[in-house]
Protein backbone atom coordinates (compact mmCIF):
# COMPACT_ATOMS: atom_id res chain seq x y z
CA MET A 1 6.20 13.85 -5.35
CA LYS A 2 8.62 11.76 -6.28
CA THR A 3 9.08 10.94 -2.43
CA LEU A 4 5.61 11.16 -2.44
CA GLY A 5 5.16 7.93 -5.31
CA TYR A 6 7.49 5.95 -3.46
CA ILE A 7 5.79 6.04 0.02
CA GLY A 8 2.65 6.18 -1.32
CA TYR A 9 4.49 3.19 -3.49
CA TRP A 10 6.04 1.11 -0.71
CA LEU A 11 2.22 1.96 1.61
CA VAL A 12 0.56 -0.91 -1.66
CA VAL A 13 2.74 -3.31 -1.79
CA VAL A 14 2.94 -3.24 2.79
CA GLY A 15 -0.85 -2.71 2.60
CA ALA A 16 -0.55 -6.50 -0.61
CA ILE A 17 1.33 -8.50 1.93
CA ASN A 18 -0.72 -7.99 4.53
CA TRP A 19 -3.95 -9.30 3.13
CA GLY A 20 -1.77 -11.99 1.86
CA LEU A 21 -1.14 -12.68 5.72
CA VAL A 22 -4.49 -12.31 6.27
CA GLY A 23 -6.19 -14.24 4.11
CA LEU A 24 -3.35 -17.15 4.72
CA GLY A 25 -4.12 -17.09 8.79
CA TYR A 26 -7.33 -17.73 8.29
CA PHE A 27 -6.53 -21.09 6.49
CA PHE A 28 -3.79 -22.00 8.96
CA GLY A 29 -5.88 -20.04 12.05
CA GLY A 30 -4.17 -17.53 12.87
CA ASN A 31 -3.81 -13.20 13.36
CA TRP A 32 -1.53 -12.99 11.42
CA ASN A 33 -2.73 -9.05 10.53
CA LEU A 34 0.77 -7.67 11.07
CA VAL A 35 -0.82 -4.39 11.05
CA ASN A 36 -3.11 -4.91 13.93
CA LEU A 37 -0.21 -6.98 15.24
CA ILE A 38 1.96 -4.09 15.50
CA LEU A 39 -0.64 -1.12 15.94
CA GLY A 40 -3.22 -3.42 17.66
CA SER A 41 -3.08 -0.97 21.10
CA TRP A 42 -3.81 2.16 19.30
CA PRO A 43 -6.26 1.65 17.21
CA VAL A 44 -6.71 4.97 15.84
CA VAL A 45 -3.38 4.84 14.55
CA GLU A 46 -4.71 1.02 13.42
CA ASN A 47 -7.37 3.26 11.01
CA ILE A 48 -5.55 5.69 9.62
CA VAL A 49 -2.41 2.83 8.30
CA TYR A 50 -5.19 0.89 6.49
CA ILE A 51 -6.78 4.63 5.49
CA LEU A 52 -3.38 5.70 3.87
CA VAL A 53 -2.65 1.79 2.06
CA ALA A 54 -6.29 2.33 0.80
CA VAL A 55 -5.73 6.42 -0.57
CA SER A 56 -2.05 5.88 -1.98
CA ALA A 57 -3.42 2.00 -3.37
CA VAL A 58 -6.68 4.75 -5.13
CA LEU A 59 -3.60 7.51 -6.53
CA MET A 60 -1.65 4.73 -7.92
CA LEU A 61 -4.40 3.72 -10.18
CA THR A 62 -5.35 6.70 -11.50
CA SER A 63 -2.42 8.03 -11.93
CA CYS A 64 -0.38 5.50 -14.15
CA ARG A 65 -2.94 3.72 -16.54
CA CYS A 66 0.37 2.46 -18.96
CA GLY A 67 3.97 0.80 -18.15
CA ARG A 68 6.29 2.09 -15.59
CA HIS A 69 9.11 2.71 -17.86
CA THR A 70 6.14 4.76 -19.25
CA CYS A 71 5.24 6.83 -16.87
CA GLN A 72 8.69 7.86 -15.52
CA MET A 73 9.62 9.26 -18.78
CA LYS A 74 6.59 11.32 -19.29
CA GLU A 75 7.36 12.14 -15.27
CA GLU A 76 11.25 13.72 -16.45
CA GLY A 77 9.70 15.08 -19.06
CA GLN A 78 11.41 12.87 -21.78
CA MET A 79 7.71 12.41 -24.03
């Protein structure tokens, strides 16, 4: 389960960076959507990535409503 958490975390980070670049691209007149630029020739895979990022974000929001340190202690059974 810990590995799944790390994968979800990195998917959320990638999604956040991607959306930031999409916003910057709008103001600077470019298409900076990295997921689209990398996977644009495979639209099904591109949409799967978007779904995985969204699911990861929802799971991250619902599974941890406390500080990161406290959640790690609960996972390790120290609390």
